[in-house]
Amino acid sequence: MEREWLTQKEVANYIGVKVMTVWRYEHGYTDERGQYHPPRDGYPKASTALGRKKWRKADIEAFMASQIAA
């Protein structure tokens, strides 16, 4: 049975990026030159259950489709 909810590590594996990239999509980051990069537009919000963040797989798929179309 396929999982409907994914952890941060599972999201990273699913979309083919590192876990830190998923964190940056959600929070934004400042690079080594001091330039701020805001959170990725349209990145889905995680739900928290028992202290663990999880994302709906359908939301991640919709986000990825919007990135390909852009």
Foldseek 3Di string as FASTA:
>chain_A
DDDFKAFLCRLCVVVVHDSVVSVCLVAWDADPVRDTGGHNPQQDAFDADPRTTIDGPVSSVVVVVVVVVD
